[in-house]
Amino acid sequence: MKYEEALHQLETIVSKMEQGQYDIDELAEQLKNAQKLIKLCRDKLTKADSEIKKILQKEE
């Protein structure tokens, strides 16, 4: 899954939570999904940051 897609799904979950669109069972499941999406986004950002630093170090 691409970062943008994961972020969009996460934003959708948050929006629905804020609007109270989930019952308690759905809320628990969506919180689990949100945690997975947050981890995926964090991992992708960390990887991109590492790659950018490597590229910049090679140029110096």
PDB file of N, CA and C in Angstrom:
ATOM      1  N   MET A   1       0.845  -1.178   0.000  1.00  0.00           N
ATOM      2  CA  MET A   1       0.000   0.000   0.000  1.00  0.00           C
ATOM      3  C   MET A   1       0.893   1.245   0.000  1.00  0.00           C
ATOM      4  N   LYS A   2       0.537   2.206  -0.805  1.00  0.00           N
ATOM      5  CA  LYS A   2       1.298   3.440  -0.864  1.00  0.00           C
ATOM      6  C   LYS A   2       0.995   4.307   0.359  1.00  0.00           C
ATOM      7  N   TYR A   3       1.951   5.176   0.680  1.00  0.00           N
ATOM      8  CA  TYR A   3       1.811   6.074   1.824  1.00  0.00           C
ATOM      9  C   TYR A   3       0.538   6.912   1.712  1.00  0.00           C
ATOM     10  N   GLU A   4       0.298   7.486   0.544  1.00  0.00           N
ATOM     11  CA  GLU A   4      -0.849   8.359   0.344  1.00  0.00           C
ATOM     12  C   GLU A   4      -2.166   7.633   0.576  1.00  0.00           C
ATOM     13  N   GLU A   5      -2.230   6.378   0.135  1.00  0.00           N
ATOM     14  CA  GLU A   5      -3.435   5.576   0.327  1.00  0.00           C
ATOM     15  C   GLU A   5      -3.660   5.281   1.811  1.00  0.00           C
ATOM     16  N   ALA A   6      -2.599   4.924   2.506  1.00  0.00           N
ATOM     17  CA  ALA A   6      -2.701   4.646   3.940  1.00  0.00           C
ATOM     18  C   ALA A   6      -3.123   5.898   4.697  1.00  0.00           C
ATOM     19  N   LEU A   7      -2.540   7.027   4.340  1.00  0.00           N
ATOM     20  CA  LEU A   7      -2.885   8.284   4.994  1.00  0.00           C
ATOM     21  C   LEU A   7      -4.343   8.645   4.746  1.00  0.00           C
ATOM     22  N   HIS A   8      -4.812   8.441   3.529  1.00  0.00           N
ATOM     23  CA  HIS A   8      -6.212   8.728   3.203  1.00  0.00           C
ATOM     24  C   HIS A   8      -7.150   7.840   4.026  1.00  0.00           C
ATOM     25  N   GLN A   9      -6.832   6.553   4.123  1.00  0.00           N
ATOM     26  CA  GLN A   9      -7.656   5.644   4.930  1.00  0.00           C
ATOM     27  C   GLN A   9      -7.665   6.075   6.390  1.00  0.00           C
ATOM     28  N   LEU A  10      -6.513   6.478   6.886  1.00  0.00           N
ATOM     29  CA  LEU A  10      -6.412   6.931   8.267  1.00  0.00           C
ATOM     30  C   LEU A  10      -7.252   8.193   8.488  1.00  0.00           C
ATOM     31  N   GLU A  11      -7.182   9.122   7.562  1.00  0.00           N
ATOM     32  CA  GLU A  11      -7.982  10.349   7.662  1.00  0.00           C
ATOM     33  C   GLU A  11      -9.478  10.039   7.651  1.00  0.00           C
ATOM     34  N   THR A  12      -9.877   9.069   6.849  1.00  0.00           N
ATOM     35  CA  THR A  12     -11.282   8.664   6.791  1.00  0.00           C
ATOM     36  C   THR A  12     -11.731   8.086   8.124  1.00  0.00           C
ATOM     37  N   ILE A  13     -10.921   7.231   8.699  1.00  0.00           N
ATOM     38  CA  ILE A  13     -11.245   6.633   9.997  1.00  0.00           C
ATOM     39  C   ILE A  13     -11.391   7.719  11.055  1.00  0.00           C
ATOM     40  N   VAL A  14     -10.438   8.632  11.106  1.00  0.00           N
ATOM     41  CA  VAL A  14     -10.477   9.707  12.098  1.00  0.00           C
ATOM     42  C   VAL A  14     -11.723  10.566  11.915  1.00  0.00           C
ATOM     43  N   SER A  15     -12.035  10.903  10.697  1.00  0.00           N
ATOM     44  CA  SER A  15     -13.207  11.729  10.413  1.00  0.00           C
ATOM     45  C   SER A  15     -14.491  11.051  10.892  1.00  0.00           C
ATOM     46  N   LYS A  16     -14.617   9.768  10.588  1.00  0.00           N
ATOM     47  CA  LYS A  16     -15.810   9.024  11.013  1.00  0.00           C
ATOM     48  C   LYS A  16     -15.877   8.903  12.529  1.00  0.00           C
ATOM     49  N   MET A  17     -14.723   8.750  13.180  1.00  0.00           N
ATOM     50  CA  MET A  17     -14.698   8.694  14.643  1.00  0.00           C
ATOM     51  C   MET A  17     -15.180  10.026  15.229  1.00  0.00           C
ATOM     52  N   GLU A  18     -14.674  11.106  14.668  1.00  0.00           N
ATOM     53  CA  GLU A  18     -15.044  12.435  15.164  1.00  0.00           C
ATOM     54  C   GLU A  18     -16.538  12.701  14.985  1.00  0.00           C
ATOM     55  N   GLN A  19     -17.114  12.123  13.950  1.00  0.00           N
ATOM     56  CA  GLN A  19     -18.540  12.319  13.684  1.00  0.00           C
ATOM     57  C   GLN A  19     -19.416  11.307  14.412  1.00  0.00           C
ATOM     58  N   GLY A  20     -18.781  10.385  15.127  1.00  0.00           N
ATOM     59  CA  GLY A  20     -19.529   9.381  15.888  1.00  0.00           C
ATOM     60  C   GLY A  20     -20.240   8.366  15.007  1.00  0.00           C
ATOM     61  N   GLN A  21     -19.655   8.023  13.877  1.00  0.00           N
ATOM     62  CA  GLN A  21     -20.299   7.117  12.939  1.00  0.00           C
ATOM     63  C   GLN A  21     -20.070   5.636  13.252  1.00  0.00           C
ATOM     64  N   TYR A  22     -19.236   5.334  14.227  1.00  0.00           N
ATOM     65  CA  TYR A  22     -18.961   3.937  14.565  1.00  0.00           C
ATOM     66  C   TYR A  22     -19.627   3.570  15.882  1.00  0.00           C
ATOM     67  N   ASP A  23     -20.196   2.345  15.932  1.00  0.00           N
ATOM     68  CA  ASP A  23     -20.653   1.850  17.224  1.00  0.00           C
ATOM     69  C   ASP A  23     -19.427   1.290  17.957  1.00  0.00           C
ATOM     70  N   ILE A  24     -19.585   0.838  19.163  1.00  0.00           N
ATOM     71  CA  ILE A  24     -18.449   0.439  19.995  1.00  0.00           C
ATOM     72  C   ILE A  24     -17.650  -0.712  19.362  1.00  0.00           C
ATOM     73  N   ASP A  25     -18.340  -1.671  18.735  1.00  0.00           N
ATOM     74  CA  ASP A  25     -17.637  -2.788  18.104  1.00  0.00           C
ATOM     75  C   ASP A  25     -16.839  -2.317  16.890  1.00  0.00           C
ATOM     76  N   GLU A  26     -17.446  -1.475  16.083  1.00  0.00           N
ATOM     77  CA  GLU A  26     -16.746  -0.941  14.922  1.00  0.00           C
ATOM     78  C   GLU A  26     -15.587  -0.052  15.346  1.00  0.00           C
ATOM     79  N   LEU A  27     -15.791   0.694  16.408  1.00  0.00           N
ATOM     80  CA  LEU A  27     -14.755   1.596  16.895  1.00  0.00           C
ATOM     81  C   LEU A  27     -13.497   0.824  17.279  1.00  0.00           C
ATOM     82  N   ALA A  28     -13.661  -0.272  17.992  1.00  0.00           N
ATOM     83  CA  ALA A  28     -12.514  -1.090  18.392  1.00  0.00           C
ATOM     84  C   ALA A  28     -11.778  -1.620  17.163  1.00  0.00           C
ATOM     85  N   GLU A  29     -12.521  -2.087  16.180  1.00  0.00           N
ATOM     86  CA  GLU A  29     -11.903  -2.616  14.965  1.00  0.00           C
ATOM     87  C   GLU A  29     -11.194  -1.509  14.183  1.00  0.00           C
ATOM     88  N   GLN A  30     -11.809  -0.358  14.094  1.00  0.00           N
ATOM     89  CA  GLN A  30     -11.199   0.745  13.353  1.00  0.00           C
ATOM     90  C   GLN A  30      -9.966   1.295  14.071  1.00  0.00           C
ATOM     91  N   LEU A  31      -9.959   1.246  15.383  1.00  0.00           N
ATOM     92  CA  LEU A  31      -8.764   1.652  16.117  1.00  0.00           C
ATOM     93  C   LEU A  31      -7.590   0.722  15.803  1.00  0.00           C
ATOM     94  N   LYS A  32      -7.874  -0.564  15.690  1.00  0.00           N
ATOM     95  CA  LYS A  32      -6.830  -1.521  15.312  1.00  0.00           C
ATOM     96  C   LYS A  32      -6.318  -1.215  13.908  1.00  0.00           C
ATOM     97  N   ASN A  33      -7.242  -0.945  12.993  1.00  0.00           N
ATOM     98  CA  ASN A  33      -6.846  -0.599  11.623  1.00  0.00           C
ATOM     99  C   ASN A  33      -6.010   0.672  11.614  1.00  0.00           C
ATOM    100  N   ALA A  34      -6.426   1.660  12.402  1.00  0.00           N
ATOM    101  CA  ALA A  34      -5.693   2.924  12.462  1.00  0.00           C
ATOM    102  C   ALA A  34      -4.273   2.700  12.976  1.00  0.00           C
ATOM    103  N   GLN A  35      -4.107   1.858  13.979  1.00  0.00           N
ATOM    104  CA  GLN A  35      -2.776   1.570  14.506  1.00  0.00           C
ATOM    105  C   GLN A  35      -1.882   0.960  13.426  1.00  0.00           C
ATOM    106  N   LYS A  36      -2.418   0.043  12.643  1.00  0.00           N
ATOM    107  CA  LYS A  36      -1.649  -0.581  11.560  1.00  0.00           C
ATOM    108  C   LYS A  36      -1.263   0.458  10.510  1.00  0.00           C
ATOM    109  N   LEU A  37      -2.208   1.333  10.171  1.00  0.00           N
ATOM    110  CA  LEU A  37      -1.941   2.364   9.171  1.00  0.00           C
ATOM    111  C   LEU A  37      -0.890   3.357   9.659  1.00  0.00           C
ATOM    112  N   ILE A  38      -0.963   3.725  10.935  1.00  0.00           N
ATOM    113  CA  ILE A  38       0.022   4.641  11.510  1.00  0.00           C
ATOM    114  C   ILE A  38       1.415   4.017  11.447  1.00  0.00           C
ATOM    115  N   LYS A  39       1.516   2.746  11.800  1.00  0.00           N
ATOM    116  CA  LYS A  39       2.812   2.061  11.746  1.00  0.00           C
ATOM    117  C   LYS A  39       3.333   2.018  10.311  1.00  0.00           C
ATOM    118  N   LEU A  40       2.464   1.694   9.376  1.00  0.00           N
ATOM    119  CA  LEU A  40       2.879   1.634   7.975  1.00  0.00           C
ATOM    120  C   LEU A  40       3.397   3.000   7.522  1.00  0.00           C
ATOM    121  N   CYS A  41       2.665   4.065   7.834  1.00  0.00           N
ATOM    122  CA  CYS A  41       3.080   5.414   7.437  1.00  0.00           C
ATOM    123  C   CYS A  41       4.406   5.789   8.092  1.00  0.00           C
ATOM    124  N   ARG A  42       4.536   5.503   9.369  1.00  0.00           N
ATOM    125  CA  ARG A  42       5.771   5.820  10.088  1.00  0.00           C
ATOM    126  C   ARG A  42       6.956   5.079   9.476  1.00  0.00           C
ATOM    127  N   ASP A  43       6.767   3.797   9.173  1.00  0.00           N
ATOM    128  CA  ASP A  43       7.844   3.002   8.578  1.00  0.00           C
ATOM    129  C   ASP A  43       8.255   3.548   7.215  1.00  0.00           C
ATOM    130  N   LYS A  44       7.272   3.924   6.410  1.00  0.00           N
ATOM    131  CA  LYS A  44       7.581   4.470   5.087  1.00  0.00           C
ATOM    132  C   LYS A  44       8.317   5.798   5.198  1.00  0.00           C
ATOM    133  N   LEU A  45       7.908   6.651   6.143  1.00  0.00           N
ATOM    134  CA  LEU A  45       8.584   7.938   6.330  1.00  0.00           C
ATOM    135  C   LEU A  45      10.011   7.739   6.829  1.00  0.00           C
ATOM    136  N   THR A  46      10.201   6.803   7.732  1.00  0.00           N
ATOM    137  CA  THR A  46      11.532   6.515   8.255  1.00  0.00           C
ATOM    138  C   THR A  46      12.444   6.001   7.150  1.00  0.00           C
ATOM    139  N   LYS A  47      11.918   5.110   6.313  1.00  0.00           N
ATOM    140  CA  LYS A  47      12.698   4.566   5.204  1.00  0.00           C
ATOM    141  C   LYS A  47      13.068   5.669   4.209  1.00  0.00           C
ATOM    142  N   ALA A  48      12.108   6.512   3.881  1.00  0.00           N
ATOM    143  CA  ALA A  48      12.371   7.608   2.941  1.00  0.00           C
ATOM    144  C   ALA A  48      13.409   8.568   3.509  1.00  0.00           C
ATOM    145  N   ASP A  49      13.304   8.878   4.788  1.00  0.00           N
ATOM    146  CA  ASP A  49      14.267   9.766   5.444  1.00  0.00           C
ATOM    147  C   ASP A  49      15.672   9.183   5.379  1.00  0.00           C
ATOM    148  N   SER A  50      15.781   7.897   5.648  1.00  0.00           N
ATOM    149  CA  SER A  50      17.073   7.219   5.601  1.00  0.00           C
ATOM    150  C   SER A  50      17.666   7.254   4.195  1.00  0.00           C
ATOM    151  N   GLU A  51      16.848   6.995   3.201  1.00  0.00           N
ATOM    152  CA  GLU A  51      17.320   7.003   1.820  1.00  0.00           C
ATOM    153  C   GLU A  51      17.769   8.403   1.396  1.00  0.00           C
ATOM    154  N   ILE A  52      17.028   9.410   1.802  1.00  0.00           N
ATOM    155  CA  ILE A  52      17.386  10.800   1.464  1.00  0.00           C
ATOM    156  C   ILE A  52      18.724  11.164   2.115  1.00  0.00           C
ATOM    157  N   LYS A  53      18.899  10.772   3.362  1.00  0.00           N
ATOM    158  CA  LYS A  53      20.165  11.073   4.052  1.00  0.00           C
ATOM    159  C   LYS A  53      21.346  10.397   3.346  1.00  0.00           C
ATOM    160  N   LYS A  54      21.148   9.154   2.900  1.00  0.00           N
ATOM    161  CA  LYS A  54      22.210   8.455   2.189  1.00  0.00           C
ATOM    162  C   LYS A  54      22.574   9.175   0.895  1.00  0.00           C
ATOM    163  N   ILE A  55      21.564   9.610   0.167  1.00  0.00           N
ATOM    164  CA  ILE A  55      21.801  10.318  -1.085  1.00  0.00           C
ATOM    165  C   ILE A  55      22.554  11.622  -0.832  1.00  0.00           C
ATOM    166  N   LEU A  56      22.135  12.354   0.190  1.00  0.00           N
ATOM    167  CA  LEU A  56      22.775  13.622   0.501  1.00  0.00           C
ATOM    168  C   LEU A  56      24.220  13.430   0.952  1.00  0.00           C
ATOM    169  N   GLN A  57      24.501  12.357   1.680  1.00  0.00           N
ATOM    170  CA  GLN A  57      25.859  12.084   2.134  1.00  0.00           C
ATOM    171  C   GLN A  57      26.766  11.738   0.951  1.00  0.00           C
ATOM    172  N   LYS A  58      26.233  11.058  -0.041  1.00  0.00           N
ATOM    173  CA  LYS A  58      27.026  10.702  -1.219  1.00  0.00           C
ATOM    174  C   LYS A  58      27.410  11.941  -2.010  1.00  0.00           C
ATOM    175  N   GLU A  59      26.545  12.951  -1.993  1.00  0.00           N
ATOM    176  CA  GLU A  59      26.809  14.172  -2.742  1.00  0.00           C
ATOM    177  C   GLU A  59      27.883  15.044  -2.076  1.00  0.00           C
ATOM    178  N   GLU A  60      28.081  14.853  -0.793  1.00  0.00           N
ATOM    179  CA  GLU A  60      29.055  15.665  -0.068  1.00  0.00           C
ATOM    180  C   GLU A  60      30.407  15.103  -0.287  1.00  0.00           C
TER     181      GLU A  60
END
